[in-house]
Amino acid sequence: MILIILLTFCGCKKKAQDKSFGVLPVEVCEVKLDNYYYITRFYSGKLRPKQSSDLSFGQQGTLASIFVEKGESVEKGTFLAKLDTRSLEATKAVISAQRDSQTQRIGKWYSFRRKKYCPS
């Protein structure tokens, strides 16, 4: 018990603390971005685009050429691909010939009508 009392009184004494604050020396340096320091990191996972679009042509057909690669960034108005238009051009030529033939037939009909070979 005497030991506890001695330890209690001896342990309660605290040293007086110095309340004056001293000035600490500080060094300042400017931090600059160094372009020569690169860290390469590899991550596993899947990337998903924020936005995607399903594209199609107004007409069906065979692609003649593709101007961009899969995954390549494009801007509005960029041509992505071109359809093979040979069959469309052939169809256009046939329709144009039919139109010209009908125009000639109508012209002949009006000519016969003016000459009164054809009833009105």
PDB file of N, CA and C in Angstrom:
ATOM      1  N   MET A   1       0.808  -1.172   0.000  1.00  0.00           N
ATOM      2  CA  MET A   1       0.000   0.000   0.000  1.00  0.00           C
ATOM      3  C   MET A   1       0.864   1.254   0.000  1.00  0.00           C
ATOM      4  N   ILE A   2       1.958   1.166   0.714  1.00  0.00           N
ATOM      5  CA  ILE A   2       2.882   2.294   0.755  1.00  0.00           C
ATOM      6  C   ILE A   2       3.439   2.545  -0.635  1.00  0.00           C
ATOM      7  N   LEU A   3       3.651   1.476  -1.352  1.00  0.00           N
ATOM      8  CA  LEU A   3       4.182   1.600  -2.709  1.00  0.00           C
ATOM      9  C   LEU A   3       3.203   2.324  -3.609  1.00  0.00           C
ATOM     10  N   ILE A   4       1.945   2.049  -3.468  1.00  0.00           N
ATOM     11  CA  ILE A   4       0.927   2.704  -4.294  1.00  0.00           C
ATOM     12  C   ILE A   4       0.859   4.181  -3.967  1.00  0.00           C
ATOM     13  N   ILE A   5       0.924   4.513  -2.730  1.00  0.00           N
ATOM     14  CA  ILE A   5       0.866   5.918  -2.326  1.00  0.00           C
ATOM     15  C   ILE A   5       2.077   6.669  -2.839  1.00  0.00           C
ATOM     16  N   LEU A   6       3.269   6.072  -2.736  1.00  0.00           N
ATOM     17  CA  LEU A   6       4.478   6.722  -3.231  1.00  0.00           C
ATOM     18  C   LEU A   6       4.411   6.930  -4.744  1.00  0.00           C
ATOM     19  N   LEU A   7       3.942   5.915  -5.443  1.00  0.00           N
ATOM     20  CA  LEU A   7       3.839   6.036  -6.906  1.00  0.00           C
ATOM     21  C   LEU A   7       2.807   7.085  -7.306  1.00  0.00           C
ATOM     22  N   THR A   8       1.755   7.192  -6.540  1.00  0.00           N
ATOM     23  CA  THR A   8       0.721   8.162  -6.846  1.00  0.00           C
ATOM     24  C   THR A   8       1.248   9.575  -6.699  1.00  0.00           C
ATOM     25  N   PHE A   9       1.936   9.858  -5.629  1.00  0.00           N
ATOM     26  CA  PHE A   9       2.439  11.201  -5.415  1.00  0.00           C
ATOM     27  C   PHE A   9       3.623  11.521  -6.305  1.00  0.00           C
ATOM     28  N   CYS A  10       4.435  10.537  -6.576  1.00  0.00           N
ATOM     29  CA  CYS A  10       5.604  10.781  -7.426  1.00  0.00           C
ATOM     30  C   CYS A  10       5.200  10.896  -8.885  1.00  0.00           C
ATOM     31  N   GLY A  11       4.172  10.162  -9.294  1.00  0.00           N
ATOM     32  CA  GLY A  11       3.765  10.167 -10.700  1.00  0.00           C
ATOM     33  C   GLY A  11       2.905  11.341 -11.053  1.00  0.00           C
ATOM     34  N   CYS A  12       2.404  12.086 -10.123  1.00  0.00           N
ATOM     35  CA  CYS A  12       1.500  13.197 -10.404  1.00  0.00           C
ATOM     36  C   CYS A  12       2.237  14.468 -10.743  1.00  0.00           C
ATOM     37  N   LYS A  13       3.490  14.512 -10.501  1.00  0.00           N
ATOM     38  CA  LYS A  13       4.230  15.735 -10.807  1.00  0.00           C
ATOM     39  C   LYS A  13       4.470  15.817 -12.304  1.00  0.00           C
ATOM     40  N   LYS A  14       4.087  16.945 -12.878  1.00  0.00           N
ATOM     41  CA  LYS A  14       4.318  17.182 -14.293  1.00  0.00           C
ATOM     42  C   LYS A  14       5.311  18.299 -14.444  1.00  0.00           C
ATOM     43  N   LYS A  15       6.069  18.188 -15.505  1.00  0.00           N
ATOM     44  CA  LYS A  15       7.015  19.263 -15.773  1.00  0.00           C
ATOM     45  C   LYS A  15       6.257  20.443 -16.345  1.00  0.00           C
ATOM     46  N   ALA A  16       6.699  21.593 -16.047  1.00  0.00           N
ATOM     47  CA  ALA A  16       6.067  22.805 -16.577  1.00  0.00           C
ATOM     48  C   ALA A  16       6.333  22.870 -18.077  1.00  0.00           C
ATOM     49  N   GLN A  17       5.257  23.096 -18.823  1.00  0.00           N
ATOM     50  CA  GLN A  17       5.394  23.161 -20.281  1.00  0.00           C
ATOM     51  C   GLN A  17       5.678  24.583 -20.701  1.00  0.00           C
ATOM     52  N   ASP A  18       6.513  24.698 -21.735  1.00  0.00           N
ATOM     53  CA  ASP A  18       6.845  26.011 -22.278  1.00  0.00           C
ATOM     54  C   ASP A  18       5.749  26.411 -23.250  1.00  0.00           C
ATOM     55  N   LYS A  19       5.034  27.485 -22.943  1.00  0.00           N
ATOM     56  CA  LYS A  19       3.916  27.908 -23.774  1.00  0.00           C
ATOM     57  C   LYS A  19       4.323  28.919 -24.833  1.00  0.00           C
ATOM     58  N   SER A  20       5.547  29.234 -24.947  1.00  0.00           N
ATOM     59  CA  SER A  20       5.981  30.167 -26.001  1.00  0.00           C
ATOM     60  C   SER A  20       6.176  29.372 -27.282  1.00  0.00           C
ATOM     61  N   PHE A  21       5.619  29.863 -28.363  1.00  0.00           N
ATOM     62  CA  PHE A  21       5.716  29.178 -29.648  1.00  0.00           C
ATOM     63  C   PHE A  21       6.848  29.776 -30.456  1.00  0.00           C
ATOM     64  N   GLY A  22       7.711  28.907 -30.925  1.00  0.00           N
ATOM     65  CA  GLY A  22       8.832  29.370 -31.724  1.00  0.00           C
ATOM     66  C   GLY A  22       8.478  29.342 -33.211  1.00  0.00           C
ATOM     67  N   VAL A  23       9.200  30.065 -34.005  1.00  0.00           N
ATOM     68  CA  VAL A  23       8.984  30.103 -35.452  1.00  0.00           C
ATOM     69  C   VAL A  23       9.753  28.948 -36.075  1.00  0.00           C
ATOM     70  N   LEU A  24       9.052  28.161 -36.877  1.00  0.00           N
ATOM     71  CA  LEU A  24       9.689  27.045 -37.545  1.00  0.00           C
ATOM     72  C   LEU A  24      10.170  27.477 -38.929  1.00  0.00           C
ATOM     73  N   PRO A  25      11.371  27.100 -39.312  1.00  0.00           N
ATOM     74  CA  PRO A  25      11.836  27.464 -40.648  1.00  0.00           C
ATOM     75  C   PRO A  25      11.088  26.629 -41.704  1.00  0.00           C
ATOM     76  N   VAL A  26      10.699  27.268 -42.807  1.00  0.00           N
ATOM     77  CA  VAL A  26       9.939  26.618 -43.879  1.00  0.00           C
ATOM     78  C   VAL A  26      10.633  26.880 -45.207  1.00  0.00           C
ATOM     79  N   GLU A  27      10.743  25.842 -46.023  1.00  0.00           N
ATOM     80  CA  GLU A  27      11.284  25.999 -47.372  1.00  0.00           C
ATOM     81  C   GLU A  27      10.145  25.845 -48.374  1.00  0.00           C
ATOM     82  N   VAL A  28      10.133  26.693 -49.393  1.00  0.00           N
ATOM     83  CA  VAL A  28       9.083  26.654 -50.410  1.00  0.00           C
ATOM     84  C   VAL A  28       9.735  26.352 -51.752  1.00  0.00           C
ATOM     85  N   CYS A  29       9.113  25.458 -52.508  1.00  0.00           N
ATOM     86  CA  CYS A  29       9.598  25.195 -53.857  1.00  0.00           C
ATOM     87  C   CYS A  29       8.390  25.063 -54.780  1.00  0.00           C
ATOM     88  N   GLU A  30       8.563  25.437 -56.051  1.00  0.00           N
ATOM     89  CA  GLU A  30       7.485  25.390 -57.040  1.00  0.00           C
ATOM     90  C   GLU A  30       7.431  23.989 -57.649  1.00  0.00           C
ATOM     91  N   VAL A  31       6.221  23.470 -57.795  1.00  0.00           N
ATOM     92  CA  VAL A  31       6.024  22.150 -58.373  1.00  0.00           C
ATOM     93  C   VAL A  31       5.647  22.329 -59.833  1.00  0.00           C
ATOM     94  N   LYS A  32       6.364  21.646 -60.724  1.00  0.00           N
ATOM     95  CA  LYS A  32       6.097  21.727 -62.154  1.00  0.00           C
ATOM     96  C   LYS A  32       5.773  20.334 -62.680  1.00  0.00           C
ATOM     97  N   LEU A  33       4.896  20.279 -63.673  1.00  0.00           N
ATOM     98  CA  LEU A  33       4.553  19.018 -64.300  1.00  0.00           C
ATOM     99  C   LEU A  33       5.690  18.609 -65.220  1.00  0.00           C
ATOM    100  N   ASP A  34       6.155  17.391 -65.066  1.00  0.00           N
ATOM    101  CA  ASP A  34       7.252  16.877 -65.883  1.00  0.00           C
ATOM    102  C   ASP A  34       6.667  15.992 -66.975  1.00  0.00           C
ATOM    103  N   ASN A  35       6.891  16.339 -68.226  1.00  0.00           N
ATOM    104  CA  ASN A  35       6.359  15.578 -69.351  1.00  0.00           C
ATOM    105  C   ASN A  35       7.134  14.285 -69.611  1.00  0.00           C
ATOM    106  N   TYR A  36       8.206  14.083 -68.941  1.00  0.00           N
ATOM    107  CA  TYR A  36       9.054  12.923 -69.201  1.00  0.00           C
ATOM    108  C   TYR A  36       8.770  11.758 -68.259  1.00  0.00           C
ATOM    109  N   TYR A  37       7.795  11.930 -67.405  1.00  0.00           N
ATOM    110  CA  TYR A  37       7.501  10.890 -66.428  1.00  0.00           C
ATOM    111  C   TYR A  37       6.138  10.291 -66.744  1.00  0.00           C
ATOM    112  N   TYR A  38       6.145   9.093 -67.270  1.00  0.00           N
ATOM    113  CA  TYR A  38       4.905   8.416 -67.625  1.00  0.00           C
ATOM    114  C   TYR A  38       4.804   7.097 -66.871  1.00  0.00           C
ATOM    115  N   ILE A  39       3.605   6.774 -66.490  1.00  0.00           N
ATOM    116  CA  ILE A  39       3.352   5.496 -65.846  1.00  0.00           C
ATOM    117  C   ILE A  39       2.368   4.742 -66.732  1.00  0.00           C
ATOM    118  N   THR A  40       2.744   3.554 -67.134  1.00  0.00           N
ATOM    119  CA  THR A  40       1.860   2.726 -67.936  1.00  0.00           C
ATOM    120  C   THR A  40       1.153   1.760 -67.009  1.00  0.00           C
ATOM    121  N   ARG A  41      -0.163   1.742 -67.130  1.00  0.00           N
ATOM    122  CA  ARG A  41      -0.952   0.851 -66.292  1.00  0.00           C
ATOM    123  C   ARG A  41      -1.827  -0.004 -67.185  1.00  0.00           C
ATOM    124  N   PHE A  42      -2.034  -1.214 -66.802  1.00  0.00           N
ATOM    125  CA  PHE A  42      -2.874  -2.143 -67.547  1.00  0.00           C
ATOM    126  C   PHE A  42      -4.046  -2.551 -66.667  1.00  0.00           C
ATOM    127  N   TYR A  43      -5.237  -2.516 -67.245  1.00  0.00           N
ATOM    128  CA  TYR A  43      -6.436  -2.899 -66.522  1.00  0.00           C
ATOM    129  C   TYR A  43      -7.178  -3.946 -67.340  1.00  0.00           C
ATOM    130  N   SER A  44      -7.807  -4.852 -66.676  1.00  0.00           N
ATOM    131  CA  SER A  44      -8.635  -5.827 -67.376  1.00  0.00           C
ATOM    132  C   SER A  44     -10.088  -5.393 -67.253  1.00  0.00           C
ATOM    133  N   GLY A  45     -10.865  -5.726 -68.251  1.00  0.00           N
ATOM    134  CA  GLY A  45     -12.273  -5.368 -68.226  1.00  0.00           C
ATOM    135  C   GLY A  45     -12.772  -5.117 -69.637  1.00  0.00           C
ATOM    136  N   LYS A  46     -13.980  -4.638 -69.732  1.00  0.00           N
ATOM    137  CA  LYS A  46     -14.596  -4.346 -71.022  1.00  0.00           C
ATOM    138  C   LYS A  46     -14.965  -2.873 -71.067  1.00  0.00           C
ATOM    139  N   LEU A  47     -14.656  -2.235 -72.179  1.00  0.00           N
ATOM    140  CA  LEU A  47     -15.047  -0.851 -72.392  1.00  0.00           C
ATOM    141  C   LEU A  47     -16.364  -0.828 -73.152  1.00  0.00           C
ATOM    142  N   ARG A  48     -17.260  -0.013 -72.704  1.00  0.00           N
ATOM    143  CA  ARG A  48     -18.535   0.145 -73.399  1.00  0.00           C
ATOM    144  C   ARG A  48     -18.688   1.611 -73.764  1.00  0.00           C
ATOM    145  N   PRO A  49     -19.117   1.891 -74.999  1.00  0.00           N
ATOM    146  CA  PRO A  49     -19.279   3.290 -75.392  1.00  0.00           C
ATOM    147  C   PRO A  49     -20.414   3.955 -74.621  1.00  0.00           C
ATOM    148  N   LYS A  50     -20.294   5.240 -74.434  1.00  0.00           N
ATOM    149  CA  LYS A  50     -21.328   5.993 -73.748  1.00  0.00           C
ATOM    150  C   LYS A  50     -22.571   6.072 -74.629  1.00  0.00           C
ATOM    151  N   GLN A  51     -22.337   6.127 -75.939  1.00  0.00           N
ATOM    152  CA  GLN A  51     -23.443   6.224 -76.883  1.00  0.00           C
ATOM    153  C   GLN A  51     -23.089   5.442 -78.131  1.00  0.00           C
ATOM    154  N   SER A  52     -24.048   4.735 -78.707  1.00  0.00           N
ATOM    155  CA  SER A  52     -23.819   4.027 -79.958  1.00  0.00           C
ATOM    156  C   SER A  52     -25.052   4.177 -80.829  1.00  0.00           C
ATOM    157  N   SER A  53     -24.895   3.933 -82.124  1.00  0.00           N
ATOM    158  CA  SER A  53     -25.993   4.073 -83.070  1.00  0.00           C
ATOM    159  C   SER A  53     -25.973   2.910 -84.043  1.00  0.00           C
ATOM    160  N   ASP A  54     -27.152   2.415 -84.356  1.00  0.00           N
ATOM    161  CA  ASP A  54     -27.298   1.432 -85.411  1.00  0.00           C
ATOM    162  C   ASP A  54     -27.542   2.193 -86.702  1.00  0.00           C
ATOM    163  N   LEU A  55     -26.692   1.967 -87.688  1.00  0.00           N
ATOM    164  CA  LEU A  55     -26.765   2.717 -88.936  1.00  0.00           C
ATOM    165  C   LEU A  55     -27.214   1.824 -90.078  1.00  0.00           C
ATOM    166  N   SER A  56     -27.869   2.431 -91.060  1.00  0.00           N
ATOM    167  CA  SER A  56     -28.257   1.687 -92.250  1.00  0.00           C
ATOM    168  C   SER A  56     -28.396   2.665 -93.411  1.00  0.00           C
ATOM    169  N   PHE A  57     -28.406   2.113 -94.608  1.00  0.00           N
ATOM    170  CA  PHE A  57     -28.614   2.914 -95.802  1.00  0.00           C
ATOM    171  C   PHE A  57     -30.109   3.002 -96.084  1.00  0.00           C
ATOM    172  N   GLY A  58     -30.517   3.983 -96.885  1.00  0.00           N
ATOM    173  CA  GLY A  58     -31.908   4.104 -97.283  1.00  0.00           C
ATOM    174  C   GLY A  58     -32.306   3.008 -98.258  1.00  0.00           C
ATOM    175  N   GLN A  59     -31.354   2.469 -98.985  1.00  0.00           N
ATOM    176  CA  GLN A  59     -31.576   1.390 -99.943  1.00  0.00           C
ATOM    177  C   GLN A  59     -30.746   0.189 -99.525  1.00  0.00           C
ATOM    178  N   GLN A  60     -31.220  -0.989 -99.880  1.00  0.00           N
ATOM    179  CA  GLN A  60     -30.400  -2.171 -99.620  1.00  0.00           C
ATOM    180  C   GLN A  60     -29.453  -2.379-100.792  1.00  0.00           C
ATOM    181  N   GLY A  61     -28.376  -3.061-100.555  1.00  0.00           N
ATOM    182  CA  GLY A  61     -27.417  -3.329-101.608  1.00  0.00           C
ATOM    183  C   GLY A  61     -26.105  -3.841-101.046  1.00  0.00           C
ATOM    184  N   THR A  62     -25.134  -3.926-101.947  1.00  0.00           N
ATOM    185  CA  THR A  62     -23.806  -4.416-101.590  1.00  0.00           C
ATOM    186  C   THR A  62     -22.883  -3.233-101.355  1.00  0.00           C
ATOM    187  N   LEU A  63     -22.032  -3.334-100.323  1.00  0.00           N
ATOM    188  CA  LEU A  63     -21.075  -2.259-100.058  1.00  0.00           C
ATOM    189  C   LEU A  63     -19.969  -2.273-101.100  1.00  0.00           C
ATOM    190  N   ALA A  64     -19.691  -1.104-101.670  1.00  0.00           N
ATOM    191  CA  ALA A  64     -18.591  -0.974-102.617  1.00  0.00           C
ATOM    192  C   ALA A  64     -17.293  -0.671-101.878  1.00  0.00           C
ATOM    193  N   SER A  65     -17.377   0.165-100.838  1.00  0.00           N
ATOM    194  CA  SER A  65     -16.186   0.484-100.051  1.00  0.00           C
ATOM    195  C   SER A  65     -16.594   0.985 -98.669  1.00  0.00           C
ATOM    196  N   ILE A  66     -15.678   0.797 -97.707  1.00  0.00           N
ATOM    197  CA  ILE A  66     -15.873   1.268 -96.332  1.00  0.00           C
ATOM    198  C   ILE A  66     -14.744   2.254 -96.045  1.00  0.00           C
ATOM    199  N   PHE A  67     -15.099   3.439 -95.573  1.00  0.00           N
ATOM    200  CA  PHE A  67     -14.121   4.506 -95.397  1.00  0.00           C
ATOM    201  C   PHE A  67     -13.553   4.620 -93.987  1.00  0.00           C
ATOM    202  N   VAL A  68     -14.142   3.962 -92.986  1.00  0.00           N
ATOM    203  CA  VAL A  68     -13.647   4.042 -91.610  1.00  0.00           C
ATOM    204  C   VAL A  68     -13.473   2.634 -91.053  1.00  0.00           C
ATOM    205  N   GLU A  69     -12.632   2.516 -90.053  1.00  0.00           N
ATOM    206  CA  GLU A  69     -12.385   1.235 -89.388  1.00  0.00           C
ATOM    207  C   GLU A  69     -13.272   1.114 -88.146  1.00  0.00           C
ATOM    208  N   LYS A  70     -13.496  -0.096 -87.707  1.00  0.00           N
ATOM    209  CA  LYS A  70     -14.285  -0.341 -86.503  1.00  0.00           C
ATOM    210  C   LYS A  70     -13.588   0.295 -85.306  1.00  0.00           C
ATOM    211  N   GLY A  71     -14.348   1.060 -84.525  1.00  0.00           N
ATOM    212  CA  GLY A  71     -13.803   1.712 -83.338  1.00  0.00           C
ATOM    213  C   GLY A  71     -13.224   3.084 -83.599  1.00  0.00           C
ATOM    214  N   GLU A  72     -13.135   3.500 -84.844  1.00  0.00           N
ATOM    215  CA  GLU A  72     -12.566   4.803 -85.189  1.00  0.00           C
ATOM    216  C   GLU A  72     -13.566   5.914 -84.871  1.00  0.00           C
ATOM    217  N   SER A  73     -13.079   7.029 -84.363  1.00  0.00           N
ATOM    218  CA  SER A  73     -13.943   8.165 -84.060  1.00  0.00           C
ATOM    219  C   SER A  73     -14.307   8.887 -85.351  1.00  0.00           C
ATOM    220  N   VAL A  74     -15.555   9.307 -85.440  1.00  0.00           N
ATOM    221  CA  VAL A  74     -16.027  10.038 -86.615  1.00  0.00           C
ATOM    222  C   VAL A  74     -16.791  11.270 -86.165  1.00  0.00           C
ATOM    223  N   GLU A  75     -16.909  12.217 -87.057  1.00  0.00           N
ATOM    224  CA  GLU A  75     -17.661  13.427 -86.785  1.00  0.00           C
ATOM    225  C   GLU A  75     -18.892  13.453 -87.672  1.00  0.00           C
ATOM    226  N   LYS A  76     -19.820  14.320 -87.352  1.00  0.00           N
ATOM    227  CA  LYS A  76     -21.041  14.454 -88.123  1.00  0.00           C
ATOM    228  C   LYS A  76     -20.692  14.816 -89.568  1.00  0.00           C
ATOM    229  N   GLY A  77     -21.305  14.109 -90.505  1.00  0.00           N
ATOM    230  CA  GLY A  77     -21.085  14.381 -91.921  1.00  0.00           C
ATOM    231  C   GLY A  77     -19.996  13.541 -92.561  1.00  0.00           C
ATOM    232  N   THR A  78     -19.301  12.723 -91.779  1.00  0.00           N
ATOM    233  CA  THR A  78     -18.242  11.872 -92.321  1.00  0.00           C
ATOM    234  C   THR A  78     -18.863  10.710 -93.087  1.00  0.00           C
ATOM    235  N   PHE A  79     -18.394  10.448 -94.312  1.00  0.00           N
ATOM    236  CA  PHE A  79     -18.868   9.311 -95.087  1.00  0.00           C
ATOM    237  C   PHE A  79     -18.295   8.037 -94.482  1.00  0.00           C
ATOM    238  N   LEU A  80     -19.164   7.099 -94.157  1.00  0.00           N
ATOM    239  CA  LEU A  80     -18.735   5.852 -93.530  1.00  0.00           C
ATOM    240  C   LEU A  80     -18.514   4.757 -94.561  1.00  0.00           C
ATOM    241  N   ALA A  81     -19.416   4.663 -95.531  1.00  0.00           N
ATOM    242  CA  ALA A  81     -19.327   3.599 -96.532  1.00  0.00           C
ATOM    243  C   ALA A  81     -20.077   4.038 -97.787  1.00  0.00           C
ATOM    244  N   LYS A  82     -19.853   3.283 -98.872  1.00  0.00           N
ATOM    245  CA  LYS A  82     -20.516   3.581-100.144  1.00  0.00           C
ATOM    246  C   LYS A  82     -21.118   2.295-100.687  1.00  0.00           C
ATOM    247  N   LEU A  83     -22.375   2.395-101.143  1.00  0.00           N
ATOM    248  CA  LEU A  83     -23.038   1.242-101.748  1.00  0.00           C
ATOM    249  C   LEU A  83     -22.609   1.073-103.196  1.00  0.00           C
ATOM    250  N   ASP A  84     -22.648  -0.171-103.676  1.00  0.00           N
ATOM    251  CA  ASP A  84     -22.418  -0.454-105.087  1.00  0.00           C
ATOM    252  C   ASP A  84     -23.688  -0.028-105.823  1.00  0.00           C
ATOM    253  N   THR A  85     -23.598   1.000-106.640  1.00  0.00           N
ATOM    254  CA  THR A  85     -24.774   1.579-107.286  1.00  0.00           C
ATOM    255  C   THR A  85     -24.955   1.125-108.731  1.00  0.00           C
ATOM    256  N   ARG A  86     -24.199   0.139-109.189  1.00  0.00           N
ATOM    257  CA  ARG A  86     -24.327  -0.302-110.579  1.00  0.00           C
ATOM    258  C   ARG A  86     -25.727  -0.814-110.887  1.00  0.00           C
ATOM    259  N   SER A  87     -26.324  -1.599-109.988  1.00  0.00           N
ATOM    260  CA  SER A  87     -27.682  -2.104-110.246  1.00  0.00           C
ATOM    261  C   SER A  87     -28.693  -0.964-110.211  1.00  0.00           C
ATOM    262  N   LEU A  88     -28.499   0.023-109.335  1.00  0.00           N
ATOM    263  CA  LEU A  88     -29.399   1.172-109.295  1.00  0.00           C
ATOM    264  C   LEU A  88     -29.290   2.003-110.565  1.00  0.00           C
ATOM    265  N   GLU A  89     -28.070   2.164-111.065  1.00  0.00           N
ATOM    266  CA  GLU A  89     -27.883   2.930-112.307  1.00  0.00           C
ATOM    267  C   GLU A  89     -28.510   2.210-113.491  1.00  0.00           C
ATOM    268  N   ALA A  90     -28.439   0.871-113.518  1.00  0.00           N
ATOM    269  CA  ALA A  90     -29.069   0.098-114.594  1.00  0.00           C
ATOM    270  C   ALA A  90     -30.586   0.247-114.520  1.00  0.00           C
ATOM    271  N   THR A  91     -31.142   0.188-113.317  1.00  0.00           N
ATOM    272  CA  THR A  91     -32.587   0.373-113.138  1.00  0.00           C
ATOM    273  C   THR A  91     -33.004   1.771-113.563  1.00  0.00           C
ATOM    274  N   LYS A  92     -32.185   2.755-113.235  1.00  0.00           N
ATOM    275  CA  LYS A  92     -32.466   4.131-113.629  1.00  0.00           C
ATOM    276  C   LYS A  92     -32.478   4.269-115.150  1.00  0.00           C
ATOM    277  N   ALA A  93     -31.544   3.615-115.817  1.00  0.00           N
ATOM    278  CA  ALA A  93     -31.487   3.664-117.281  1.00  0.00           C
ATOM    279  C   ALA A  93     -32.734   3.023-117.900  1.00  0.00           C
ATOM    280  N   VAL A  94     -33.196   1.908-117.353  1.00  0.00           N
ATOM    281  CA  VAL A  94     -34.404   1.239-117.855  1.00  0.00           C
ATOM    282  C   VAL A  94     -35.615   2.143-117.673  1.00  0.00           C
ATOM    283  N   ILE A  95     -35.762   2.731-116.495  1.00  0.00           N
ATOM    284  CA  ILE A  95     -36.901   3.619-116.223  1.00  0.00           C
ATOM    285  C   ILE A  95     -36.851   4.851-117.116  1.00  0.00           C
ATOM    286  N   SER A  96     -35.664   5.390-117.326  1.00  0.00           N
ATOM    287  CA  SER A  96     -35.503   6.556-118.202  1.00  0.00           C
ATOM    288  C   SER A  96     -35.897   6.211-119.638  1.00  0.00           C
ATOM    289  N   ALA A  97     -35.521   5.008-120.112  1.00  0.00           N
ATOM    290  CA  ALA A  97     -35.887   4.582-121.469  1.00  0.00           C
ATOM    291  C   ALA A  97     -37.398   4.401-121.567  1.00  0.00           C
ATOM    292  N   GLN A  98     -38.031   3.830-120.535  1.00  0.00           N
ATOM    293  CA  GLN A  98     -39.486   3.680-120.538  1.00  0.00           C
ATOM    294  C   GLN A  98     -40.184   5.033-120.568  1.00  0.00           C
ATOM    295  N   ARG A  99     -39.657   5.994-119.802  1.00  0.00           N
ATOM    296  CA  ARG A  99     -40.225   7.340-119.794  1.00  0.00           C
ATOM    297  C   ARG A  99     -40.130   7.975-121.170  1.00  0.00           C
ATOM    298  N   ASP A 100     -38.957   7.837-121.810  1.00  0.00           N
ATOM    299  CA  ASP A 100     -38.777   8.409-123.154  1.00  0.00           C
ATOM    300  C   ASP A 100     -39.737   7.769-124.148  1.00  0.00           C
ATOM    301  N   SER A 101     -39.952   6.464-124.057  1.00  0.00           N
ATOM    302  CA  SER A 101     -40.868   5.753-124.945  1.00  0.00           C
ATOM    303  C   SER A 101     -42.298   6.253-124.750  1.00  0.00           C
ATOM    304  N   GLN A 102     -42.710   6.415-123.504  1.00  0.00           N
ATOM    305  CA  GLN A 102     -44.063   6.907-123.220  1.00  0.00           C
ATOM    306  C   GLN A 102     -44.228   8.349-123.688  1.00  0.00           C
ATOM    307  N   THR A 103     -43.174   9.153-123.521  1.00  0.00           N
ATOM    308  CA  THR A 103     -43.225  10.547-123.976  1.00  0.00           C
ATOM    309  C   THR A 103     -43.421  10.591-125.495  1.00  0.00           C
ATOM    310  N   GLN A 104     -42.738   9.717-126.247  1.00  0.00           N
ATOM    311  CA  GLN A 104     -42.906   9.656-127.704  1.00  0.00           C
ATOM    312  C   GLN A 104     -44.321   9.223-128.074  1.00  0.00           C
ATOM    313  N   ARG A 105     -44.855   8.240-127.372  1.00  0.00           N
ATOM    314  CA  ARG A 105     -46.216   7.763-127.662  1.00  0.00           C
ATOM    315  C   ARG A 105     -47.242   8.872-127.419  1.00  0.00           C
ATOM    316  N   ILE A 106     -47.053   9.609-126.319  1.00  0.00           N
ATOM    317  CA  ILE A 106     -47.978  10.706-126.025  1.00  0.00           C
ATOM    318  C   ILE A 106     -47.840  11.797-127.084  1.00  0.00           C
ATOM    319  N   GLY A 107     -46.587  12.071-127.489  1.00  0.00           N
ATOM    320  CA  GLY A 107     -46.361  13.076-128.538  1.00  0.00           C
ATOM    321  C   GLY A 107     -47.041  12.680-129.840  1.00  0.00           C
ATOM    322  N   LYS A 108     -46.969  11.406-130.224  1.00  0.00           N
ATOM    323  CA  LYS A 108     -47.629  10.934-131.439  1.00  0.00           C
ATOM    324  C   LYS A 108     -49.142  11.044-131.303  1.00  0.00           C
ATOM    325  N   TRP A 109     -49.671  10.708-130.132  1.00  0.00           N
ATOM    326  CA  TRP A 109     -51.112  10.787-129.920  1.00  0.00           C
ATOM    327  C   TRP A 109     -51.605  12.216-130.091  1.00  0.00           C
ATOM    328  N   TYR A 110     -50.862  13.213-129.492  1.00  0.00           N
ATOM    329  CA  TYR A 110     -51.248  14.608-129.650  1.00  0.00           C
ATOM    330  C   TYR A 110     -51.127  15.041-131.116  1.00  0.00           C
ATOM    331  N   SER A 111     -50.124  14.540-131.798  1.00  0.00           N
ATOM    332  CA  SER A 111     -49.957  14.881-133.209  1.00  0.00           C
ATOM    333  C   SER A 111     -51.126  14.349-134.029  1.00  0.00           C
ATOM    334  N   PHE A 112     -51.529  13.082-133.815  1.00  0.00           N
ATOM    335  CA  PHE A 112     -52.677  12.517-134.529  1.00  0.00           C
ATOM    336  C   PHE A 112     -53.965  13.248-134.164  1.00  0.00           C
ATOM    337  N   ARG A 113     -54.074  13.671-132.937  1.00  0.00           N
ATOM    338  CA  ARG A 113     -55.275  14.364-132.484  1.00  0.00           C
ATOM    339  C   ARG A 113     -55.394  15.718-133.165  1.00  0.00           C
ATOM    340  N   ARG A 114     -54.258  16.421-133.309  1.00  0.00           N
ATOM    341  CA  ARG A 114     -54.287  17.718-133.984  1.00  0.00           C
ATOM    342  C   ARG A 114     -54.657  17.562-135.450  1.00  0.00           C
ATOM    343  N   LYS A 115     -54.230  16.465-136.013  1.00  0.00           N
ATOM    344  CA  LYS A 115     -54.535  16.223-137.437  1.00  0.00           C
ATOM    345  C   LYS A 115     -55.893  15.534-137.579  1.00  0.00           C
ATOM    346  N   LYS A 116     -56.564  15.330-136.491  1.00  0.00           N
ATOM    347  CA  LYS A 116     -57.906  14.729-136.425  1.00  0.00           C
ATOM    348  C   LYS A 116     -57.928  13.302-136.943  1.00  0.00           C
ATOM    349  N   TYR A 117     -56.802  12.555-136.759  1.00  0.00           N
ATOM    350  CA  TYR A 117     -56.781  11.126-137.077  1.00  0.00           C
ATOM    351  C   TYR A 117     -57.281  10.297-135.880  1.00  0.00           C
ATOM    352  N   CYS A 118     -57.393  10.944-134.748  1.00  0.00           N
ATOM    353  CA  CYS A 118     -57.731  10.211-133.520  1.00  0.00           C
ATOM    354  C   CYS A 118     -58.931  10.899-132.892  1.00  0.00           C
ATOM    355  N   PRO A 119     -59.924  10.143-132.460  1.00  0.00           N
ATOM    356  CA  PRO A 119     -61.086  10.782-131.807  1.00  0.00           C
ATOM    357  C   PRO A 119     -60.676  11.363-130.449  1.00  0.00           C
ATOM    358  N   SER A 120     -61.350  12.440-130.075  1.00  0.00           N
ATOM    359  CA  SER A 120     -61.034  13.115-128.826  1.00  0.00           C
ATOM    360  C   SER A 120     -61.471  12.341-127.649  1.00  0.00           C
TER     361      SER A 120
END
